[in-house]
C-alpha cells in the first residue's frame, strides 16, 4: 500500500490493488488507487 501511495503521487501511474481478502484499504490511501 505504501508503494501504491508513492506510485500514485508520481502522477504517471494508475494503480490497482488486486486483493484476495476483504480487508479495507488504509484510510490514507488516495482515492485514485483502485481496489479489485
ModelCIF file with pLDDT and N, C-alpha, C, O atoms, coordinates in Angstrom:
data_MODEL
#
_entry.id   MODEL 
#
_entity.id                         1 
_entity.type                       polymer 
_entity.pdbx_number_of_molecules   1 
#
_entity_poly.entity_id                      1 
_entity_poly.type                           'polypeptide(L)' 
_entity_poly.nstd_linkage                   no 
_entity_poly.nstd_monomer                   no 
_entity_poly.pdbx_seq_one_letter_code       
;(UNK)(UNK)(UNK)(UNK)(UNK)(UNK)(UNK)(UNK)(UNK)(UNK)(UNK)(UNK)(UNK)(UNK)(UNK)(UNK)
(UNK)(UNK)(UNK)(UNK)(UNK)(UNK)(UNK)(UNK)(UNK)(UNK)(UNK)(UNK)(UNK)(UNK)(UNK)(UNK)
(UNK)(UNK)(UNK)(UNK)
;
_entity_poly.pdbx_seq_one_letter_code_can   XXXXXXXXXXXXXXXXXXXXXXXXXXXXXXXXXXXX 
_entity_poly.pdbx_strand_id                 A 
#
loop_
_entity_poly_seq.entity_id 
_entity_poly_seq.num 
_entity_poly_seq.mon_id 
_entity_poly_seq.hetero 
1 1  UNK n 
1 2  UNK n 
1 3  UNK n 
1 4  UNK n 
1 5  UNK n 
1 6  UNK n 
1 7  UNK n 
1 8  UNK n 
1 9  UNK n 
1 10 UNK n 
1 11 UNK n 
1 12 UNK n 
1 13 UNK n 
1 14 UNK n 
1 15 UNK n 
1 16 UNK n 
1 17 UNK n 
1 18 UNK n 
1 19 UNK n 
1 20 UNK n 
1 21 UNK n 
1 22 UNK n 
1 23 UNK n 
1 24 UNK n 
1 25 UNK n 
1 26 UNK n 
1 27 UNK n 
1 28 UNK n 
1 29 UNK n 
1 30 UNK n 
1 31 UNK n 
1 32 UNK n 
1 33 UNK n 
1 34 UNK n 
1 35 UNK n 
1 36 UNK n 
#
_struct_asym.id          A 
_struct_asym.entity_id   1 
#
loop_
_ma_qa_metric.id 
_ma_qa_metric.mode 
_ma_qa_metric.name 
_ma_qa_metric.software_group_id 
_ma_qa_metric.type 
1 global pLDDT . pLDDT 
2 local  pLDDT . pLDDT 
#
_ma_qa_metric_global.metric_id      1 
_ma_qa_metric_global.metric_value   92.61 
_ma_qa_metric_global.model_id       1 
_ma_qa_metric_global.ordinal_id     1 
#
loop_
_ma_qa_metric_local.label_asym_id 
_ma_qa_metric_local.label_comp_id 
_ma_qa_metric_local.label_seq_id 
_ma_qa_metric_local.metric_id 
_ma_qa_metric_local.metric_value 
_ma_qa_metric_local.model_id 
_ma_qa_metric_local.ordinal_id 
A UNK 1  2 94.00 1 1  
A UNK 2  2 95.00 1 2  
A UNK 3  2 96.00 1 3  
A UNK 4  2 96.00 1 4  
A UNK 5  2 96.00 1 5  
A UNK 6  2 96.00 1 6  
A UNK 7  2 97.00 1 7  
A UNK 8  2 96.00 1 8  
A UNK 9  2 94.00 1 9  
A UNK 10 2 94.00 1 10 
A UNK 11 2 94.00 1 11 
A UNK 12 2 94.00 1 12 
A UNK 13 2 96.00 1 13 
A UNK 14 2 97.00 1 14 
A UNK 15 2 97.00 1 15 
A UNK 16 2 97.00 1 16 
A UNK 17 2 96.00 1 17 
A UNK 18 2 96.00 1 18 
A UNK 19 2 93.00 1 19 
A UNK 20 2 86.00 1 20 
A UNK 21 2 82.00 1 21 
A UNK 22 2 84.00 1 22 
A UNK 23 2 84.00 1 23 
A UNK 24 2 87.00 1 24 
A UNK 25 2 88.00 1 25 
A UNK 26 2 87.00 1 26 
A UNK 27 2 87.00 1 27 
A UNK 28 2 88.00 1 28 
A UNK 29 2 91.00 1 29 
A UNK 30 2 92.00 1 30 
A UNK 31 2 92.00 1 31 
A UNK 32 2 94.00 1 32 
A UNK 33 2 95.00 1 33 
A UNK 34 2 95.00 1 34 
A UNK 35 2 94.00 1 35 
A UNK 36 2 94.00 1 36 
#
loop_
_atom_site.group_PDB 
_atom_site.id 
_atom_site.type_symbol 
_atom_site.label_atom_id 
_atom_site.label_alt_id 
_atom_site.label_comp_id 
_atom_site.label_asym_id 
_atom_site.label_entity_id 
_atom_site.label_seq_id 
_atom_site.pdbx_PDB_ins_code 
_atom_site.Cartn_x 
_atom_site.Cartn_y 
_atom_site.Cartn_z 
_atom_site.occupancy 
_atom_site.B_iso_or_equiv 
_atom_site.pdbx_formal_charge 
_atom_site.auth_seq_id 
_atom_site.auth_comp_id 
_atom_site.auth_asym_id 
_atom_site.auth_atom_id 
_atom_site.pdbx_PDB_model_num 
ATOM 1   N N  . UNK A 1 1  ? 0.823   -1.211  0.000   1.00 94.00 ? 1  UNK A N  1 
ATOM 2   C CA . UNK A 1 1  ? 0.000   0.000   0.000   1.00 94.00 ? 1  UNK A CA 1 
ATOM 3   C C  . UNK A 1 1  ? 0.856   1.260   0.000   1.00 94.00 ? 1  UNK A C  1 
ATOM 4   O O  . UNK A 1 1  ? 0.488   2.263   -0.611  1.00 94.00 ? 1  UNK A O  1 
ATOM 5   N N  . UNK A 1 2  ? 1.998   1.211   0.684   1.00 95.00 ? 2  UNK A N  1 
ATOM 6   C CA . UNK A 1 2  ? 2.872   2.389   0.694   1.00 95.00 ? 2  UNK A CA 1 
ATOM 7   C C  . UNK A 1 2  ? 3.535   2.600   -0.657  1.00 95.00 ? 2  UNK A C  1 
ATOM 8   O O  . UNK A 1 2  ? 3.738   3.741   -1.071  1.00 95.00 ? 2  UNK A O  1 
ATOM 9   N N  . UNK A 1 3  ? 3.879   1.505   -1.361  1.00 96.00 ? 3  UNK A N  1 
ATOM 10  C CA . UNK A 1 3  ? 4.388   1.656   -2.722  1.00 96.00 ? 3  UNK A CA 1 
ATOM 11  C C  . UNK A 1 3  ? 3.296   2.199   -3.635  1.00 96.00 ? 3  UNK A C  1 
ATOM 12  O O  . UNK A 1 3  ? 3.567   3.031   -4.501  1.00 96.00 ? 3  UNK A O  1 
ATOM 13  N N  . UNK A 1 4  ? 2.061   1.734   -3.445  1.00 96.00 ? 4  UNK A N  1 
ATOM 14  C CA . UNK A 1 4  ? 0.931   2.268   -4.221  1.00 96.00 ? 4  UNK A CA 1 
ATOM 15  C C  . UNK A 1 4  ? 0.789   3.768   -4.008  1.00 96.00 ? 4  UNK A C  1 
ATOM 16  O O  . UNK A 1 4  ? 0.531   4.515   -4.951  1.00 96.00 ? 4  UNK A O  1 
ATOM 17  N N  . UNK A 1 5  ? 0.960   4.205   -2.761  1.00 96.00 ? 5  UNK A N  1 
ATOM 18  C CA . UNK A 1 5  ? 0.902   5.636   -2.460  1.00 96.00 ? 5  UNK A CA 1 
ATOM 19  C C  . UNK A 1 5  ? 1.959   6.401   -3.243  1.00 96.00 ? 5  UNK A C  1 
ATOM 20  O O  . UNK A 1 5  ? 1.659   7.417   -3.871  1.00 96.00 ? 5  UNK A O  1 
ATOM 21  N N  . UNK A 1 6  ? 3.200   5.911   -3.206  1.00 96.00 ? 6  UNK A N  1 
ATOM 22  C CA . UNK A 1 6  ? 4.275   6.594   -3.925  1.00 96.00 ? 6  UNK A CA 1 
ATOM 23  C C  . UNK A 1 6  ? 4.041   6.619   -5.423  1.00 96.00 ? 6  UNK A C  1 
ATOM 24  O O  . UNK A 1 6  ? 4.274   7.643   -6.067  1.00 96.00 ? 6  UNK A O  1 
ATOM 25  N N  . UNK A 1 7  ? 3.583   5.506   -5.991  1.00 97.00 ? 7  UNK A N  1 
ATOM 26  C CA . UNK A 1 7  ? 3.321   5.462   -7.436  1.00 97.00 ? 7  UNK A CA 1 
ATOM 27  C C  . UNK A 1 7  ? 2.204   6.417   -7.812  1.00 97.00 ? 7  UNK A C  1 
ATOM 28  O O  . UNK A 1 7  ? 2.294   7.109   -8.826  1.00 97.00 ? 7  UNK A O  1 
ATOM 29  N N  . UNK A 1 8  ? 1.149   6.464   -7.002  1.00 96.00 ? 8  UNK A N  1 
ATOM 30  C CA . UNK A 1 8  ? 0.033   7.374   -7.305  1.00 96.00 ? 8  UNK A CA 1 
ATOM 31  C C  . UNK A 1 8  ? 0.478   8.828   -7.250  1.00 96.00 ? 8  UNK A C  1 
ATOM 32  O O  . UNK A 1 8  ? 0.008   9.656   -8.030  1.00 96.00 ? 8  UNK A O  1 
ATOM 33  N N  . UNK A 1 9  ? 1.385   9.139   -6.327  1.00 94.00 ? 9  UNK A N  1 
ATOM 34  C CA . UNK A 1 9  ? 1.819   10.527  -6.176  1.00 94.00 ? 9  UNK A CA 1 
ATOM 35  C C  . UNK A 1 9  ? 2.732   10.999  -7.302  1.00 94.00 ? 9  UNK A C  1 
ATOM 36  O O  . UNK A 1 9  ? 2.969   12.198  -7.443  1.00 94.00 ? 9  UNK A O  1 
ATOM 37  N N  . UNK A 1 10 ? 3.252   10.060  -8.111  1.00 94.00 ? 10 UNK A N  1 
ATOM 38  C CA . UNK A 1 10 ? 4.049   10.494  -9.263  1.00 94.00 ? 10 UNK A CA 1 
ATOM 39  C C  . UNK A 1 10 ? 3.189   11.166  -10.323 1.00 94.00 ? 10 UNK A C  1 
ATOM 40  O O  . UNK A 1 10 ? 3.692   11.952  -11.126 1.00 94.00 ? 10 UNK A O  1 
ATOM 41  N N  . UNK A 1 11 ? 1.899   10.863  -10.329 1.00 94.00 ? 11 UNK A N  1 
ATOM 42  C CA . UNK A 1 11 ? 1.012   11.393  -11.346 1.00 94.00 ? 11 UNK A CA 1 
ATOM 43  C C  . UNK A 1 11 ? 1.169   10.711  -12.693 1.00 94.00 ? 11 UNK A C  1 
ATOM 44  O O  . UNK A 1 11 ? 0.544   11.118  -13.673 1.00 94.00 ? 11 UNK A O  1 
ATOM 45  N N  . UNK A 1 12 ? 2.005   9.670   -12.752 1.00 94.00 ? 12 UNK A N  1 
ATOM 46  C CA . UNK A 1 12 ? 2.266   8.976   -14.017 1.00 94.00 ? 12 UNK A CA 1 
ATOM 47  C C  . UNK A 1 12 ? 1.741   7.547   -14.029 1.00 94.00 ? 12 UNK A C  1 
ATOM 48  O O  . UNK A 1 12 ? 1.877   6.835   -15.024 1.00 94.00 ? 12 UNK A O  1 
ATOM 49  N N  . UNK A 1 13 ? 1.134   7.125   -12.902 1.00 96.00 ? 13 UNK A N  1 
ATOM 50  C CA . UNK A 1 13 ? 0.758   5.724   -12.763 1.00 96.00 ? 13 UNK A CA 1 
ATOM 51  C C  . UNK A 1 13 ? -0.685  5.611   -12.281 1.00 96.00 ? 13 UNK A C  1 
ATOM 52  O O  . UNK A 1 13 ? -1.094  6.277   -11.330 1.00 96.00 ? 13 UNK A O  1 
ATOM 53  N N  . UNK A 1 14 ? -1.438  4.759   -12.953 1.00 97.00 ? 14 UNK A N  1 
ATOM 54  C CA . UNK A 1 14 ? -2.739  4.336   -12.450 1.00 97.00 ? 14 UNK A CA 1 
ATOM 55  C C  . UNK A 1 14 ? -2.506  3.044   -11.684 1.00 97.00 ? 14 UNK A C  1 
ATOM 56  O O  . UNK A 1 14 ? -2.022  2.061   -12.246 1.00 97.00 ? 14 UNK A O  1 
ATOM 57  N N  . UNK A 1 15 ? -2.850  3.046   -10.398 1.00 97.00 ? 15 UNK A N  1 
ATOM 58  C CA . UNK A 1 15 ? -2.504  1.927   -9.518  1.00 97.00 ? 15 UNK A CA 1 
ATOM 59  C C  . UNK A 1 15 ? -3.755  1.148   -9.149  1.00 97.00 ? 15 UNK A C  1 
ATOM 60  O O  . UNK A 1 15 ? -4.771  1.719   -8.754  1.00 97.00 ? 15 UNK A O  1 
ATOM 61  N N  . UNK A 1 16 ? -3.659  -0.181  -9.287  1.00 97.00 ? 16 UNK A N  1 
ATOM 62  C CA . UNK A 1 16 ? -4.699  -1.097  -8.832  1.00 97.00 ? 16 UNK A CA 1 
ATOM 63  C C  . UNK A 1 16 ? -4.134  -1.985  -7.732  1.00 97.00 ? 16 UNK A C  1 
ATOM 64  O O  . UNK A 1 16 ? -3.070  -2.579  -7.901  1.00 97.00 ? 16 UNK A O  1 
ATOM 65  N N  . UNK A 1 17 ? -4.838  -2.080  -6.605  1.00 96.00 ? 17 UNK A N  1 
ATOM 66  C CA . UNK A 1 17 ? -4.550  -3.097  -5.603  1.00 96.00 ? 17 UNK A CA 1 
ATOM 67  C C  . UNK A 1 17 ? -5.465  -4.281  -5.888  1.00 96.00 ? 17 UNK A C  1 
ATOM 68  O O  . UNK A 1 17 ? -6.686  -4.155  -5.808  1.00 96.00 ? 17 UNK A O  1 
ATOM 69  N N  . UNK A 1 18 ? -4.891  -5.414  -6.216  1.00 96.00 ? 18 UNK A N  1 
ATOM 70  C CA . UNK A 1 18 ? -5.661  -6.616  -6.532  1.00 96.00 ? 18 UNK A CA 1 
ATOM 71  C C  . UNK A 1 18 ? -5.553  -7.529  -5.319  1.00 96.00 ? 18 UNK A C  1 
ATOM 72  O O  . UNK A 1 18 ? -4.478  -8.049  -5.021  1.00 96.00 ? 18 UNK A O  1 
ATOM 73  N N  . UNK A 1 19 ? -6.678  -7.725  -4.611  1.00 93.00 ? 19 UNK A N  1 
ATOM 74  C CA . UNK A 1 19 ? -6.647  -8.350  -3.284  1.00 93.00 ? 19 UNK A CA 1 
ATOM 75  C C  . UNK A 1 19 ? -7.421  -9.661  -3.267  1.00 93.00 ? 19 UNK A C  1 
ATOM 76  O O  . UNK A 1 19 ? -8.432  -9.814  -3.953  1.00 93.00 ? 19 UNK A O  1 
ATOM 77  N N  . UNK A 1 20 ? -6.926  -10.602 -2.471  1.00 86.00 ? 20 UNK A N  1 
ATOM 78  C CA . UNK A 1 20 ? -7.675  -11.824 -2.238  1.00 86.00 ? 20 UNK A CA 1 
ATOM 79  C C  . UNK A 1 20 ? -8.108  -11.909 -0.779  1.00 86.00 ? 20 UNK A C  1 
ATOM 80  O O  . UNK A 1 20 ? -8.111  -12.991 -0.190  1.00 86.00 ? 20 UNK A O  1 
ATOM 81  N N  . UNK A 1 21 ? -8.471  -10.775 -0.199  1.00 82.00 ? 21 UNK A N  1 
ATOM 82  C CA . UNK A 1 21 ? -9.118  -10.710 1.105   1.00 82.00 ? 21 UNK A CA 1 
ATOM 83  C C  . UNK A 1 21 ? -10.103 -9.552  1.061   1.00 82.00 ? 21 UNK A C  1 
ATOM 84  O O  . UNK A 1 21 ? -10.110 -8.768  0.112   1.00 82.00 ? 21 UNK A O  1 
ATOM 85  N N  . UNK A 1 22 ? -10.925 -9.452  2.084   1.00 84.00 ? 22 UNK A N  1 
ATOM 86  C CA . UNK A 1 22 ? -11.926 -8.391  2.134   1.00 84.00 ? 22 UNK A CA 1 
ATOM 87  C C  . UNK A 1 22 ? -11.500 -7.234  3.029   1.00 84.00 ? 22 UNK A C  1 
ATOM 88  O O  . UNK A 1 22 ? -12.306 -6.343  3.300   1.00 84.00 ? 22 UNK A O  1 
ATOM 89  N N  . UNK A 1 23 ? -10.245 -7.226  3.497   1.00 84.00 ? 23 UNK A N  1 
ATOM 90  C CA . UNK A 1 23 ? -9.787  -6.130  4.353   1.00 84.00 ? 23 UNK A CA 1 
ATOM 91  C C  . UNK A 1 23 ? -9.884  -4.806  3.611   1.00 84.00 ? 23 UNK A C  1 
ATOM 92  O O  . UNK A 1 23 ? -9.615  -4.750  2.411   1.00 84.00 ? 23 UNK A O  1 
ATOM 93  N N  . UNK A 1 24 ? -10.263 -3.748  4.302   1.00 87.00 ? 24 UNK A N  1 
ATOM 94  C CA . UNK A 1 24 ? -10.345 -2.436  3.651   1.00 87.00 ? 24 UNK A CA 1 
ATOM 95  C C  . UNK A 1 24 ? -8.961  -1.861  3.420   1.00 87.00 ? 24 UNK A C  1 
ATOM 96  O O  . UNK A 1 24 ? -8.013  -2.233  4.112   1.00 87.00 ? 24 UNK A O  1 
ATOM 97  N N  . UNK A 1 25 ? -8.830  -0.958  2.454   1.00 88.00 ? 25 UNK A N  1 
ATOM 98  C CA . UNK A 1 25 ? -7.547  -0.272  2.279   1.00 88.00 ? 25 UNK A CA 1 
ATOM 99  C C  . UNK A 1 25 ? -7.303  0.688   3.436   1.00 88.00 ? 25 UNK A C  1 
ATOM 100 O O  . UNK A 1 25 ? -8.254  1.103   4.097   1.00 88.00 ? 25 UNK A O  1 
ATOM 101 N N  . UNK A 1 26 ? -6.048  1.050   3.694   1.00 87.00 ? 26 UNK A N  1 
ATOM 102 C CA . UNK A 1 26 ? -5.772  2.007   4.771   1.00 87.00 ? 26 UNK A CA 1 
ATOM 103 C C  . UNK A 1 26 ? -6.396  3.358   4.452   1.00 87.00 ? 26 UNK A C  1 
ATOM 104 O O  . UNK A 1 26 ? -6.500  3.721   3.280   1.00 87.00 ? 26 UNK A O  1 
ATOM 105 N N  . UNK A 1 27 ? -6.815  4.110   5.465   1.00 87.00 ? 27 UNK A N  1 
ATOM 106 C CA . UNK A 1 27 ? -7.525  5.373   5.222   1.00 87.00 ? 27 UNK A CA 1 
ATOM 107 C C  . UNK A 1 27 ? -6.686  6.438   4.527   1.00 87.00 ? 27 UNK A C  1 
ATOM 108 O O  . UNK A 1 27 ? -7.235  7.365   3.932   1.00 87.00 ? 27 UNK A O  1 
ATOM 109 N N  . UNK A 1 28 ? -5.353  6.317   4.596   1.00 88.00 ? 28 UNK A N  1 
ATOM 110 C CA . UNK A 1 28 ? -4.500  7.339   3.990   1.00 88.00 ? 28 UNK A CA 1 
ATOM 111 C C  . UNK A 1 28 ? -4.244  7.088   2.508   1.00 88.00 ? 28 UNK A C  1 
ATOM 112 O O  . UNK A 1 28 ? -3.603  7.906   1.848   1.00 88.00 ? 28 UNK A O  1 
ATOM 113 N N  . UNK A 1 29 ? -4.738  5.965   1.972   1.00 91.00 ? 29 UNK A N  1 
ATOM 114 C CA . UNK A 1 29 ? -4.503  5.668   0.565   1.00 91.00 ? 29 UNK A CA 1 
ATOM 115 C C  . UNK A 1 29 ? -5.381  6.574   -0.293  1.00 91.00 ? 29 UNK A C  1 
ATOM 116 O O  . UNK A 1 29 ? -6.579  6.681   -0.029  1.00 91.00 ? 29 UNK A O  1 
ATOM 117 N N  . UNK A 1 30 ? -4.824  7.231   -1.313  1.00 92.00 ? 30 UNK A N  1 
ATOM 118 C CA . UNK A 1 30 ? -5.630  8.163   -2.121  1.00 92.00 ? 30 UNK A CA 1 
ATOM 119 C C  . UNK A 1 30 ? -6.728  7.441   -2.899  1.00 92.00 ? 30 UNK A C  1 
ATOM 120 O O  . UNK A 1 30 ? -6.606  6.260   -3.225  1.00 92.00 ? 30 UNK A O  1 
ATOM 121 N N  . UNK A 1 31 ? -7.790  8.169   -3.186  1.00 92.00 ? 31 UNK A N  1 
ATOM 122 C CA . UNK A 1 31 ? -8.917  7.592   -3.919  1.00 92.00 ? 31 UNK A CA 1 
ATOM 123 C C  . UNK A 1 31 ? -8.541  7.173   -5.335  1.00 92.00 ? 31 UNK A C  1 
ATOM 124 O O  . UNK A 1 31 ? -9.244  6.374   -5.953  1.00 92.00 ? 31 UNK A O  1 
ATOM 125 N N  . UNK A 1 32 ? -7.446  7.703   -5.849  1.00 94.00 ? 32 UNK A N  1 
ATOM 126 C CA . UNK A 1 32 ? -7.037  7.340   -7.205  1.00 94.00 ? 32 UNK A CA 1 
ATOM 127 C C  . UNK A 1 32 ? -6.538  5.898   -7.296  1.00 94.00 ? 32 UNK A C  1 
ATOM 128 O O  . UNK A 1 32 ? -6.414  5.358   -8.395  1.00 94.00 ? 32 UNK A O  1 
ATOM 129 N N  . UNK A 1 33 ? -6.250  5.269   -6.151  1.00 95.00 ? 33 UNK A N  1 
ATOM 130 C CA . UNK A 1 33 ? -5.834  3.869   -6.138  1.00 95.00 ? 33 UNK A CA 1 
ATOM 131 C C  . UNK A 1 33 ? -7.081  2.992   -6.114  1.00 95.00 ? 33 UNK A C  1 
ATOM 132 O O  . UNK A 1 33 ? -7.870  3.059   -5.171  1.00 95.00 ? 33 UNK A O  1 
ATOM 133 N N  . UNK A 1 34 ? -7.260  2.175   -7.140  1.00 95.00 ? 34 UNK A N  1 
ATOM 134 C CA . UNK A 1 34 ? -8.429  1.310   -7.225  1.00 95.00 ? 34 UNK A CA 1 
ATOM 135 C C  . UNK A 1 34 ? -8.166  -0.001  -6.502  1.00 95.00 ? 34 UNK A C  1 
ATOM 136 O O  . UNK A 1 34 ? -7.036  -0.489  -6.478  1.00 95.00 ? 34 UNK A O  1 
ATOM 137 N N  . UNK A 1 35 ? -9.207  -0.569  -5.915  1.00 94.00 ? 35 UNK A N  1 
ATOM 138 C CA . UNK A 1 35 ? -9.114  -1.852  -5.232  1.00 94.00 ? 35 UNK A CA 1 
ATOM 139 C C  . UNK A 1 35 ? -9.993  -2.853  -5.974  1.00 94.00 ? 35 UNK A C  1 
ATOM 140 O O  . UNK A 1 35 ? -11.196 -2.643  -6.123  1.00 94.00 ? 35 UNK A O  1 
ATOM 141 N N  . UNK A 1 36 ? -9.387  -3.934  -6.433  1.00 94.00 ? 36 UNK A N  1 
ATOM 142 C CA . UNK A 1 36 ? -10.100 -5.005  -7.139  1.00 94.00 ? 36 UNK A CA 1 
ATOM 143 C C  . UNK A 1 36 ? -10.076 -6.250  -6.269  1.00 94.00 ? 36 UNK A C  1 
ATOM 144 O O  . UNK A 1 36 ? -10.617 -7.285  -6.657  1.00 94.00 ? 36 UNK A O  1 
#
